PDB file of all heavy atoms in Angstrom:
ATOM      1  N   CYS A   1      18.744  -4.945   0.511  1.00  0.00           N
ATOM      2  CA  CYS A   1      17.543  -5.312   1.264  1.00  0.00           C
ATOM      3  C   CYS A   1      17.273  -6.775   0.983  1.00  0.00           C
ATOM      4  O   CYS A   1      16.905  -7.140  -0.137  1.00  0.00           O
ATOM      5  CB  CYS A   1      16.365  -4.441   0.850  1.00  0.00           C
ATOM      6  SG  CYS A   1      14.781  -4.917   1.584  1.00  0.00           S
ATOM      7  N   ALA A   2      17.448  -7.608   1.989  1.00  0.00           N
ATOM      8  CA  ALA A   2      17.272  -9.042   1.842  1.00  0.00           C
ATOM      9  C   ALA A   2      16.002  -9.500   2.543  1.00  0.00           C
ATOM     10  O   ALA A   2      15.755  -9.135   3.700  1.00  0.00           O
ATOM     11  CB  ALA A   2      18.476  -9.790   2.417  1.00  0.00           C
ATOM     12  N   ALA A   3      15.200 -10.284   1.853  1.00  0.00           N
ATOM     13  CA  ALA A   3      13.963 -10.809   2.415  1.00  0.00           C
ATOM     14  C   ALA A   3      14.195 -12.175   3.032  1.00  0.00           C
ATOM     15  O   ALA A   3      14.938 -13.007   2.498  1.00  0.00           O
ATOM     16  CB  ALA A   3      12.894 -10.909   1.346  1.00  0.00           C
ATOM     17  N   SER A   4      13.557 -12.408   4.164  1.00  0.00           N
ATOM     18  CA  SER A   4      13.602 -13.693   4.838  1.00  0.00           C
ATOM     19  C   SER A   4      12.177 -14.116   5.165  1.00  0.00           C
ATOM     20  O   SER A   4      11.410 -13.337   5.721  1.00  0.00           O
ATOM     21  CB  SER A   4      14.429 -13.600   6.124  1.00  0.00           C
ATOM     22  OG  SER A   4      14.436 -14.831   6.822  1.00  0.00           O
ATOM     23  N   GLY A   5      11.825 -15.337   4.810  1.00  0.00           N
ATOM     24  CA  GLY A   5      10.503 -15.854   5.110  1.00  0.00           C
ATOM     25  C   GLY A   5       9.469 -15.630   4.024  1.00  0.00           C
ATOM     26  O   GLY A   5       8.335 -16.102   4.162  1.00  0.00           O
ATOM     27  N   PHE A   6       9.828 -14.934   2.975  1.00  0.00           N
ATOM     28  CA  PHE A   6       8.969 -14.751   1.828  1.00  0.00           C
ATOM     29  C   PHE A   6       9.838 -14.443   0.618  1.00  0.00           C
ATOM     30  O   PHE A   6      11.028 -14.146   0.768  1.00  0.00           O
ATOM     31  CB  PHE A   6       7.913 -13.650   2.058  1.00  0.00           C
ATOM     32  CG  PHE A   6       8.460 -12.253   2.060  1.00  0.00           C
ATOM     33  CD1 PHE A   6       8.318 -11.427   0.954  1.00  0.00           C
ATOM     34  CD2 PHE A   6       9.112 -11.753   3.173  1.00  0.00           C
ATOM     35  CE1 PHE A   6       8.812 -10.131   0.955  1.00  0.00           C
ATOM     36  CE2 PHE A   6       9.618 -10.463   3.193  1.00  0.00           C
ATOM     37  CZ  PHE A   6       9.462  -9.654   2.079  1.00  0.00           C
ATOM     38  N   THR A   7       9.252 -14.505  -0.549  1.00  0.00           N
ATOM     39  CA  THR A   7       9.969 -14.188  -1.773  1.00  0.00           C
ATOM     40  C   THR A   7       9.463 -12.862  -2.328  1.00  0.00           C
ATOM     41  O   THR A   7       8.281 -12.525  -2.203  1.00  0.00           O
ATOM     42  CB  THR A   7       9.797 -15.281  -2.832  1.00  0.00           C
ATOM     43  OG1 THR A   7       8.410 -15.466  -3.111  1.00  0.00           O
ATOM     44  CG2 THR A   7      10.389 -16.594  -2.344  1.00  0.00           C
ATOM     45  N   PHE A   8      10.375 -12.111  -2.927  1.00  0.00           N
ATOM     46  CA  PHE A   8      10.035 -10.797  -3.458  1.00  0.00           C
ATOM     47  C   PHE A   8       9.062 -10.850  -4.626  1.00  0.00           C
ATOM     48  O   PHE A   8       8.369  -9.855  -4.884  1.00  0.00           O
ATOM     49  CB  PHE A   8      11.297 -10.067  -3.884  1.00  0.00           C
ATOM     50  CG  PHE A   8      12.029  -9.394  -2.760  1.00  0.00           C
ATOM     51  CD1 PHE A   8      13.384  -9.105  -2.905  1.00  0.00           C
ATOM     52  CD2 PHE A   8      11.404  -9.045  -1.594  1.00  0.00           C
ATOM     53  CE1 PHE A   8      14.085  -8.480  -1.892  1.00  0.00           C
ATOM     54  CE2 PHE A   8      12.083  -8.424  -0.565  1.00  0.00           C
ATOM     55  CZ  PHE A   8      13.434  -8.139  -0.722  1.00  0.00           C
ATOM     56  N   ASP A   9       9.030 -11.951  -5.331  1.00  0.00           N
ATOM     57  CA  ASP A   9       8.140 -12.060  -6.482  1.00  0.00           C
ATOM     58  C   ASP A   9       6.700 -11.764  -6.076  1.00  0.00           C
ATOM     59  O   ASP A   9       6.163 -12.375  -5.149  1.00  0.00           O
ATOM     60  CB  ASP A   9       8.244 -13.459  -7.087  1.00  0.00           C
ATOM     61  CG  ASP A   9       7.469 -13.594  -8.386  1.00  0.00           C
ATOM     62  OD1 ASP A   9       7.396 -12.606  -9.144  1.00  0.00           O
ATOM     63  OD2 ASP A   9       6.954 -14.696  -8.652  1.00  0.00           O
ATOM     64  N   GLY A  10       6.084 -10.809  -6.759  1.00  0.00           N
ATOM     65  CA  GLY A  10       4.730 -10.402  -6.441  1.00  0.00           C
ATOM     66  C   GLY A  10       4.633  -9.246  -5.472  1.00  0.00           C
ATOM     67  O   GLY A  10       3.522  -8.837  -5.110  1.00  0.00           O
ATOM     68  N   TYR A  11       5.764  -8.718  -5.047  1.00  0.00           N
ATOM     69  CA  TYR A  11       5.806  -7.594  -4.125  1.00  0.00           C
ATOM     70  C   TYR A  11       6.357  -6.347  -4.802  1.00  0.00           C
ATOM     71  O   TYR A  11       7.132  -6.425  -5.763  1.00  0.00           O
ATOM     72  CB  TYR A  11       6.695  -7.918  -2.920  1.00  0.00           C
ATOM     73  CG  TYR A  11       6.056  -8.796  -1.882  1.00  0.00           C
ATOM     74  CD1 TYR A  11       5.934 -10.158  -2.078  1.00  0.00           C
ATOM     75  CD2 TYR A  11       5.587  -8.250  -0.690  1.00  0.00           C
ATOM     76  CE1 TYR A  11       5.350 -10.964  -1.114  1.00  0.00           C
ATOM     77  CE2 TYR A  11       5.009  -9.054   0.274  1.00  0.00           C
ATOM     78  CZ  TYR A  11       4.893 -10.407   0.061  1.00  0.00           C
ATOM     79  OH  TYR A  11       4.327 -11.209   1.014  1.00  0.00           O
ATOM     80  N   ALA A  12       5.947  -5.208  -4.291  1.00  0.00           N
ATOM     81  CA  ALA A  12       6.634  -3.962  -4.558  1.00  0.00           C
ATOM     82  C   ALA A  12       7.627  -3.733  -3.435  1.00  0.00           C
ATOM     83  O   ALA A  12       7.279  -3.859  -2.257  1.00  0.00           O
ATOM     84  CB  ALA A  12       5.647  -2.797  -4.644  1.00  0.00           C
ATOM     85  N   ILE A  13       8.857  -3.427  -3.798  1.00  0.00           N
ATOM     86  CA  ILE A  13       9.938  -3.248  -2.836  1.00  0.00           C
ATOM     87  C   ILE A  13      10.493  -1.842  -2.996  1.00  0.00           C
ATOM     88  O   ILE A  13      10.762  -1.405  -4.116  1.00  0.00           O
ATOM     89  CB  ILE A  13      11.068  -4.270  -3.032  1.00  0.00           C
ATOM     90  CG1 ILE A  13      10.509  -5.691  -3.195  1.00  0.00           C
ATOM     91  CG2 ILE A  13      12.059  -4.191  -1.870  1.00  0.00           C
ATOM     92  CD1 ILE A  13       9.816  -6.231  -1.965  1.00  0.00           C
ATOM     93  N   GLY A  14      10.695  -1.148  -1.891  1.00  0.00           N
ATOM     94  CA  GLY A  14      11.182   0.212  -2.004  1.00  0.00           C
ATOM     95  C   GLY A  14      12.027   0.650  -0.833  1.00  0.00           C
ATOM     96  O   GLY A  14      12.221  -0.078   0.149  1.00  0.00           O
ATOM     97  N   TRP A  15      12.537   1.862  -0.983  1.00  0.00           N
ATOM     98  CA  TRP A  15      13.380   2.482   0.019  1.00  0.00           C
ATOM     99  C   TRP A  15      12.799   3.810   0.449  1.00  0.00           C
ATOM    100  O   TRP A  15      12.364   4.617  -0.394  1.00  0.00           O
ATOM    101  CB  TRP A  15      14.796   2.709  -0.524  1.00  0.00           C
ATOM    102  CG  TRP A  15      15.550   1.446  -0.798  1.00  0.00           C
ATOM    103  CD1 TRP A  15      15.586   0.747  -1.955  1.00  0.00           C
ATOM    104  CD2 TRP A  15      16.388   0.750   0.133  1.00  0.00           C
ATOM    105  NE1 TRP A  15      16.392  -0.357  -1.819  1.00  0.00           N
ATOM    106  CE2 TRP A  15      16.897  -0.373  -0.549  1.00  0.00           C
ATOM    107  CE3 TRP A  15      16.755   0.969   1.458  1.00  0.00           C
ATOM    108  CZ2 TRP A  15      17.761  -1.282   0.067  1.00  0.00           C
ATOM    109  CZ3 TRP A  15      17.611   0.062   2.061  1.00  0.00           C
ATOM    110  CH2 TRP A  15      18.101  -1.037   1.369  1.00  0.00           C
ATOM    111  N   PHE A  16      12.789   4.045   1.744  1.00  0.00           N
ATOM    112  CA  PHE A  16      12.442   5.322   2.342  1.00  0.00           C
ATOM    113  C   PHE A  16      13.657   5.857   3.084  1.00  0.00           C
ATOM    114  O   PHE A  16      14.575   5.110   3.421  1.00  0.00           O
ATOM    115  CB  PHE A  16      11.279   5.169   3.330  1.00  0.00           C
ATOM    116  CG  PHE A  16       9.980   4.730   2.713  1.00  0.00           C
ATOM    117  CD1 PHE A  16       9.763   3.403   2.390  1.00  0.00           C
ATOM    118  CD2 PHE A  16       8.970   5.650   2.475  1.00  0.00           C
ATOM    119  CE1 PHE A  16       8.568   2.989   1.838  1.00  0.00           C
ATOM    120  CE2 PHE A  16       7.758   5.252   1.925  1.00  0.00           C
ATOM    121  CZ  PHE A  16       7.568   3.925   1.602  1.00  0.00           C
ATOM    122  N   ARG A  17      13.634   7.141   3.362  1.00  0.00           N
ATOM    123  CA  ARG A  17      14.671   7.709   4.204  1.00  0.00           C
ATOM    124  C   ARG A  17      14.064   8.770   5.108  1.00  0.00           C
ATOM    125  O   ARG A  17      13.057   9.388   4.784  1.00  0.00           O
ATOM    126  CB  ARG A  17      15.820   8.298   3.383  1.00  0.00           C
ATOM    127  CG  ARG A  17      15.448   9.508   2.536  1.00  0.00           C
ATOM    128  CD  ARG A  17      16.632   9.905   1.655  1.00  0.00           C
ATOM    129  NE  ARG A  17      16.334  11.072   0.827  1.00  0.00           N
ATOM    130  CZ  ARG A  17      17.145  11.543  -0.108  1.00  0.00           C
ATOM    131  NH1 ARG A  17      18.319  10.958  -0.326  1.00  0.00           N
ATOM    132  NH2 ARG A  17      16.793  12.615  -0.810  1.00  0.00           N
ATOM    133  N   GLN A  18      14.702   8.956   6.254  1.00  0.00           N
ATOM    134  CA  GLN A  18      14.255   9.970   7.187  1.00  0.00           C
ATOM    135  C   GLN A  18      15.474  10.614   7.836  1.00  0.00           C
ATOM    136  O   GLN A  18      16.294   9.932   8.453  1.00  0.00           O
ATOM    137  CB  GLN A  18      13.336   9.392   8.262  1.00  0.00           C
ATOM    138  CG  GLN A  18      12.703  10.453   9.141  1.00  0.00           C
ATOM    139  CD  GLN A  18      11.474   9.951   9.880  1.00  0.00           C
ATOM    140  OE1 GLN A  18      11.340   8.763  10.142  1.00  0.00           O
ATOM    141  NE2 GLN A  18      10.578  10.863  10.204  1.00  0.00           N
ATOM    142  N   ALA A  19      15.569  11.913   7.674  1.00  0.00           N
ATOM    143  CA  ALA A  19      16.621  12.695   8.290  1.00  0.00           C
ATOM    144  C   ALA A  19      16.065  13.394   9.523  1.00  0.00           C
ATOM    145  O   ALA A  19      14.861  13.660   9.600  1.00  0.00           O
ATOM    146  CB  ALA A  19      17.182  13.714   7.307  1.00  0.00           C
ATOM    147  N   PRO A  20      16.916  13.715  10.494  1.00  0.00           N
ATOM    148  CA  PRO A  20      16.437  14.404  11.692  1.00  0.00           C
ATOM    149  C   PRO A  20      15.707  15.693  11.347  1.00  0.00           C
ATOM    150  O   PRO A  20      16.184  16.506  10.559  1.00  0.00           O
ATOM    151  CB  PRO A  20      17.723  14.689  12.476  1.00  0.00           C
ATOM    152  CG  PRO A  20      18.675  13.628  12.023  1.00  0.00           C
ATOM    153  CD  PRO A  20      18.352  13.418  10.576  1.00  0.00           C
ATOM    154  N   GLY A  21      14.528  15.872  11.926  1.00  0.00           N
ATOM    155  CA  GLY A  21      13.752  17.070  11.706  1.00  0.00           C
ATOM    156  C   GLY A  21      12.989  17.119  10.403  1.00  0.00           C
ATOM    157  O   GLY A  21      12.352  18.138  10.119  1.00  0.00           O
ATOM    158  N   LYS A  22      13.053  16.057   9.618  1.00  0.00           N
ATOM    159  CA  LYS A  22      12.362  16.025   8.338  1.00  0.00           C
ATOM    160  C   LYS A  22      11.395  14.852   8.285  1.00  0.00           C
ATOM    161  O   LYS A  22      11.549  13.865   9.001  1.00  0.00           O
ATOM    162  CB  LYS A  22      13.361  15.928   7.184  1.00  0.00           C
ATOM    163  CG  LYS A  22      14.292  17.117   7.067  1.00  0.00           C
ATOM    164  CD  LYS A  22      15.203  16.980   5.858  1.00  0.00           C
ATOM    165  CE  LYS A  22      16.116  18.172   5.726  1.00  0.00           C
ATOM    166  NZ  LYS A  22      17.023  18.033   4.543  1.00  0.00           N
ATOM    167  N   GLU A  23      10.410  14.978   7.425  1.00  0.00           N
ATOM    168  CA  GLU A  23       9.439  13.911   7.267  1.00  0.00           C
ATOM    169  C   GLU A  23      10.050  12.743   6.499  1.00  0.00           C
ATOM    170  O   GLU A  23      11.021  12.899   5.764  1.00  0.00           O
ATOM    171  CB  GLU A  23       8.190  14.427   6.547  1.00  0.00           C
ATOM    172  CG  GLU A  23       8.427  14.826   5.091  1.00  0.00           C
ATOM    173  CD  GLU A  23       8.905  16.253   4.926  1.00  0.00           C
ATOM    174  OE1 GLU A  23       9.272  16.881   5.933  1.00  0.00           O
ATOM    175  OE2 GLU A  23       8.905  16.743   3.780  1.00  0.00           O
ATOM    176  N   ARG A  24       9.462  11.574   6.691  1.00  0.00           N
ATOM    177  CA  ARG A  24       9.907  10.408   5.948  1.00  0.00           C
ATOM    178  C   ARG A  24       9.606  10.602   4.466  1.00  0.00           C
ATOM    179  O   ARG A  24       8.551  11.111   4.084  1.00  0.00           O
ATOM    180  CB  ARG A  24       9.205   9.166   6.488  1.00  0.00           C
ATOM    181  CG  ARG A  24       9.607   7.867   5.805  1.00  0.00           C
ATOM    182  CD  ARG A  24       8.952   6.679   6.486  1.00  0.00           C
ATOM    183  NE  ARG A  24       9.474   6.490   7.831  1.00  0.00           N
ATOM    184  CZ  ARG A  24       8.916   5.692   8.736  1.00  0.00           C
ATOM    185  NH1 ARG A  24       7.812   5.022   8.442  1.00  0.00           N
ATOM    186  NH2 ARG A  24       9.464   5.577   9.942  1.00  0.00           N
ATOM    187  N   GLU A  25      10.543  10.191   3.639  1.00  0.00           N
ATOM    188  CA  GLU A  25      10.461  10.409   2.205  1.00  0.00           C
ATOM    189  C   GLU A  25      10.628   9.095   1.458  1.00  0.00           C
ATOM    190  O   GLU A  25      11.567   8.339   1.724  1.00  0.00           O
ATOM    191  CB  GLU A  25      11.545  11.397   1.769  1.00  0.00           C
ATOM    192  CG  GLU A  25      11.624  11.631   0.262  1.00  0.00           C
ATOM    193  CD  GLU A  25      12.815  12.476  -0.137  1.00  0.00           C
ATOM    194  OE1 GLU A  25      13.820  12.481   0.609  1.00  0.00           O
ATOM    195  OE2 GLU A  25      12.740  13.147  -1.178  1.00  0.00           O
ATOM    196  N   GLY A  26       9.744   8.838   0.516  1.00  0.00           N
ATOM    197  CA  GLY A  26       9.913   7.699  -0.364  1.00  0.00           C
ATOM    198  C   GLY A  26      10.987   7.993  -1.392  1.00  0.00           C
ATOM    199  O   GLY A  26      10.871   8.956  -2.153  1.00  0.00           O
ATOM    200  N   VAL A  27      12.024   7.174  -1.441  1.00  0.00           N
ATOM    201  CA  VAL A  27      13.178   7.419  -2.294  1.00  0.00           C
ATOM    202  C   VAL A  27      13.069   6.692  -3.626  1.00  0.00           C
ATOM    203  O   VAL A  27      13.296   7.274  -4.697  1.00  0.00           O
ATOM    204  CB  VAL A  27      14.483   7.018  -1.578  1.00  0.00           C
ATOM    205  CG1 VAL A  27      15.685   7.187  -2.503  1.00  0.00           C
ATOM    206  CG2 VAL A  27      14.655   7.829  -0.304  1.00  0.00           C
ATOM    207  N   SER A  28      12.741   5.419  -3.566  1.00  0.00           N
ATOM    208  CA  SER A  28      12.738   4.598  -4.767  1.00  0.00           C
ATOM    209  C   SER A  28      11.889   3.365  -4.539  1.00  0.00           C
ATOM    210  O   SER A  28      11.683   2.937  -3.399  1.00  0.00           O
ATOM    211  CB  SER A  28      14.174   4.203  -5.136  1.00  0.00           C
ATOM    212  OG  SER A  28      14.215   3.503  -6.371  1.00  0.00           O
ATOM    213  N   CYS A  29      11.420   2.779  -5.636  1.00  0.00           N
ATOM    214  CA  CYS A  29      10.586   1.582  -5.556  1.00  0.00           C
ATOM    215  C   CYS A  29      10.743   0.800  -6.846  1.00  0.00           C
ATOM    216  O   CYS A  29      10.980   1.383  -7.918  1.00  0.00           O
ATOM    217  CB  CYS A  29       9.117   1.964  -5.333  1.00  0.00           C
ATOM    218  SG  CYS A  29       7.984   0.564  -5.132  1.00  0.00           S
ATOM    219  N   ILE A  30      10.607  -0.515  -6.735  1.00  0.00           N
ATOM    220  CA  ILE A  30      10.632  -1.372  -7.909  1.00  0.00           C
ATOM    221  C   ILE A  30       9.476  -2.358  -7.831  1.00  0.00           C
ATOM    222  O   ILE A  30       9.184  -2.915  -6.773  1.00  0.00           O
ATOM    223  CB  ILE A  30      11.989  -2.099  -8.053  1.00  0.00           C
ATOM    224  CG1 ILE A  30      12.040  -2.878  -9.367  1.00  0.00           C
ATOM    225  CG2 ILE A  30      12.267  -3.001  -6.858  1.00  0.00           C
ATOM    226  CD1 ILE A  30      13.445  -3.344  -9.732  1.00  0.00           C
ATOM    227  N   SER A  31       8.812  -2.541  -8.955  1.00  0.00           N
ATOM    228  CA  SER A  31       7.742  -3.522  -9.082  1.00  0.00           C
ATOM    229  C   SER A  31       8.328  -4.833  -9.566  1.00  0.00           C
ATOM    230  O   SER A  31       9.012  -4.869 -10.596  1.00  0.00           O
ATOM    231  CB  SER A  31       6.681  -3.024 -10.061  1.00  0.00           C
ATOM    232  OG  SER A  31       5.808  -4.073 -10.435  1.00  0.00           O
ATOM    233  N   THR A  32       8.060  -5.911  -8.839  1.00  0.00           N
ATOM    234  CA  THR A  32       8.574  -7.214  -9.263  1.00  0.00           C
ATOM    235  C   THR A  32       7.723  -7.843 -10.349  1.00  0.00           C
ATOM    236  O   THR A  32       8.113  -8.864 -10.920  1.00  0.00           O
ATOM    237  CB  THR A  32       8.681  -8.176  -8.077  1.00  0.00           C
ATOM    238  OG1 THR A  32       7.388  -8.369  -7.487  1.00  0.00           O
ATOM    239  CG2 THR A  32       9.650  -7.634  -7.033  1.00  0.00           C
ATOM    240  N   SER A  33       6.554  -7.270 -10.649  1.00  0.00           N
ATOM    241  CA  SER A  33       5.695  -7.818 -11.690  1.00  0.00           C
ATOM    242  C   SER A  33       6.129  -7.385 -13.082  1.00  0.00           C
ATOM    243  O   SER A  33       6.101  -8.182 -14.021  1.00  0.00           O
ATOM    244  CB  SER A  33       4.244  -7.427 -11.452  1.00  0.00           C
ATOM    245  OG  SER A  33       4.054  -6.029 -11.572  1.00  0.00           O
ATOM    246  N   ASP A  34       6.530  -6.126 -13.240  1.00  0.00           N
ATOM    247  CA  ASP A  34       6.912  -5.635 -14.562  1.00  0.00           C
ATOM    248  C   ASP A  34       8.251  -4.915 -14.583  1.00  0.00           C
ATOM    249  O   ASP A  34       8.698  -4.484 -15.651  1.00  0.00           O
ATOM    250  CB  ASP A  34       5.828  -4.726 -15.145  1.00  0.00           C
ATOM    251  CG  ASP A  34       5.506  -3.530 -14.274  1.00  0.00           C
ATOM    252  OD1 ASP A  34       6.291  -3.205 -13.362  1.00  0.00           O
ATOM    253  OD2 ASP A  34       4.448  -2.906 -14.499  1.00  0.00           O
ATOM    254  N   GLY A  35       8.893  -4.763 -13.442  1.00  0.00           N
ATOM    255  CA  GLY A  35      10.193  -4.128 -13.376  1.00  0.00           C
ATOM    256  C   GLY A  35      10.175  -2.618 -13.385  1.00  0.00           C
ATOM    257  O   GLY A  35      11.246  -1.995 -13.375  1.00  0.00           O
ATOM    258  N   ASP A  36       9.005  -2.012 -13.406  1.00  0.00           N
ATOM    259  CA  ASP A  36       8.926  -0.556 -13.372  1.00  0.00           C
ATOM    260  C   ASP A  36       9.561  -0.015 -12.099  1.00  0.00           C
ATOM    261  O   ASP A  36       9.465  -0.630 -11.030  1.00  0.00           O
ATOM    262  CB  ASP A  36       7.476  -0.090 -13.453  1.00  0.00           C
ATOM    263  CG  ASP A  36       6.915  -0.138 -14.858  1.00  0.00           C
ATOM    264  OD1 ASP A  36       7.683  -0.410 -15.801  1.00  0.00           O
ATOM    265  OD2 ASP A  36       5.708   0.093 -15.015  1.00  0.00           O
ATOM    266  N   THR A  37      10.194   1.130 -12.232  1.00  0.00           N
ATOM    267  CA  THR A  37      10.869   1.752 -11.105  1.00  0.00           C
ATOM    268  C   THR A  37      10.384   3.171 -10.894  1.00  0.00           C
ATOM    269  O   THR A  37       9.862   3.818 -11.812  1.00  0.00           O
ATOM    270  CB  THR A  37      12.394   1.760 -11.298  1.00  0.00           C
ATOM    271  OG1 THR A  37      12.714   2.442 -12.520  1.00  0.00           O
ATOM    272  CG2 THR A  37      12.935   0.344 -11.364  1.00  0.00           C
ATOM    273  N   TYR A  38      10.573   3.637  -9.676  1.00  0.00           N
ATOM    274  CA  TYR A  38      10.218   4.997  -9.300  1.00  0.00           C
ATOM    275  C   TYR A  38      11.381   5.596  -8.525  1.00  0.00           C
ATOM    276  O   TYR A  38      12.024   4.904  -7.713  1.00  0.00           O
ATOM    277  CB  TYR A  38       8.952   5.009  -8.428  1.00  0.00           C
ATOM    278  CG  TYR A  38       8.819   6.251  -7.577  1.00  0.00           C
ATOM    279  CD1 TYR A  38       8.286   7.418  -8.090  1.00  0.00           C
ATOM    280  CD2 TYR A  38       9.252   6.248  -6.252  1.00  0.00           C
ATOM    281  CE1 TYR A  38       8.179   8.564  -7.321  1.00  0.00           C
ATOM    282  CE2 TYR A  38       9.161   7.383  -5.471  1.00  0.00           C
ATOM    283  CZ  TYR A  38       8.620   8.541  -6.006  1.00  0.00           C
ATOM    284  OH  TYR A  38       8.521   9.671  -5.241  1.00  0.00           O
ATOM    285  N   TYR A  39      11.635   6.886  -8.759  1.00  0.00           N
ATOM    286  CA  TYR A  39      12.627   7.627  -8.004  1.00  0.00           C
ATOM    287  C   TYR A  39      12.077   8.997  -7.664  1.00  0.00           C
ATOM    288  O   TYR A  39      11.450   9.652  -8.513  1.00  0.00           O
ATOM    289  CB  TYR A  39      13.920   7.816  -8.791  1.00  0.00           C
ATOM    290  CG  TYR A  39      14.570   6.539  -9.247  1.00  0.00           C
ATOM    291  CD1 TYR A  39      14.298   6.010 -10.511  1.00  0.00           C
ATOM    292  CD2 TYR A  39      15.452   5.858  -8.425  1.00  0.00           C
ATOM    293  CE1 TYR A  39      14.886   4.827 -10.933  1.00  0.00           C
ATOM    294  CE2 TYR A  39      16.053   4.682  -8.835  1.00  0.00           C
ATOM    295  CZ  TYR A  39      15.762   4.173 -10.094  1.00  0.00           C
ATOM    296  OH  TYR A  39      16.360   2.999 -10.506  1.00  0.00           O
ATOM    297  N   THR A  40      12.322   9.446  -6.454  1.00  0.00           N
ATOM    298  CA  THR A  40      11.986  10.810  -6.135  1.00  0.00           C
ATOM    299  C   THR A  40      12.919  11.744  -6.907  1.00  0.00           C
ATOM    300  O   THR A  40      14.052  11.383  -7.244  1.00  0.00           O
ATOM    301  CB  THR A  40      12.071  11.048  -4.612  1.00  0.00           C
ATOM    302  OG1 THR A  40      11.448  12.290  -4.282  1.00  0.00           O
ATOM    303  CG2 THR A  40      13.502  11.052  -4.133  1.00  0.00           C
ATOM    304  N   ASP A  41      12.439  12.936  -7.211  1.00  0.00           N
ATOM    305  CA  ASP A  41      13.166  13.824  -8.117  1.00  0.00           C
ATOM    306  C   ASP A  41      14.591  14.105  -7.664  1.00  0.00           C
ATOM    307  O   ASP A  41      15.502  14.227  -8.490  1.00  0.00           O
ATOM    308  CB  ASP A  41      12.414  15.145  -8.281  1.00  0.00           C
ATOM    309  CG  ASP A  41      11.177  15.026  -9.143  1.00  0.00           C
ATOM    310  OD1 ASP A  41      11.038  14.019  -9.863  1.00  0.00           O
ATOM    311  OD2 ASP A  41      10.345  15.955  -9.109  1.00  0.00           O
ATOM    312  N   SER A  42      14.807  14.208  -6.380  1.00  0.00           N
ATOM    313  CA  SER A  42      16.110  14.611  -5.880  1.00  0.00           C
ATOM    314  C   SER A  42      17.203  13.565  -6.094  1.00  0.00           C
ATOM    315  O   SER A  42      18.387  13.888  -5.974  1.00  0.00           O
ATOM    316  CB  SER A  42      16.025  14.955  -4.392  1.00  0.00           C
ATOM    317  OG  SER A  42      15.653  13.827  -3.625  1.00  0.00           O
ATOM    318  N   VAL A  43      16.836  12.322  -6.425  1.00  0.00           N
ATOM    319  CA  VAL A  43      17.844  11.281  -6.608  1.00  0.00           C
ATOM    320  C   VAL A  43      17.901  10.763  -8.033  1.00  0.00           C
ATOM    321  O   VAL A  43      18.758   9.922  -8.343  1.00  0.00           O
ATOM    322  CB  VAL A  43      17.613  10.090  -5.643  1.00  0.00           C
ATOM    323  CG1 VAL A  43      17.498  10.585  -4.208  1.00  0.00           C
ATOM    324  CG2 VAL A  43      16.394   9.276  -6.038  1.00  0.00           C
ATOM    325  N   LYS A  44      17.042  11.245  -8.903  1.00  0.00           N
ATOM    326  CA  LYS A  44      17.043  10.779 -10.293  1.00  0.00           C
ATOM    327  C   LYS A  44      18.390  11.056 -10.951  1.00  0.00           C
ATOM    328  O   LYS A  44      18.954  12.139 -10.817  1.00  0.00           O
ATOM    329  CB  LYS A  44      15.930  11.462 -11.081  1.00  0.00           C
ATOM    330  CG  LYS A  44      14.544  10.966 -10.739  1.00  0.00           C
ATOM    331  CD  LYS A  44      13.467  11.673 -11.554  1.00  0.00           C
ATOM    332  CE  LYS A  44      12.083  11.147 -11.218  1.00  0.00           C
ATOM    333  NZ  LYS A  44      11.017  11.873 -11.957  1.00  0.00           N
TER     334      LYS A  44
END
């Protein structure tokens, strides 16, 4: 995931996914302030 026109510093950046017939799901996220990460249980 490449940013254009802004810098990631100070942002939370994450990934979602959506499969046909299913709701959108938050997969993972990273905080640029402290490096903390999040993962949904199915991908840990």
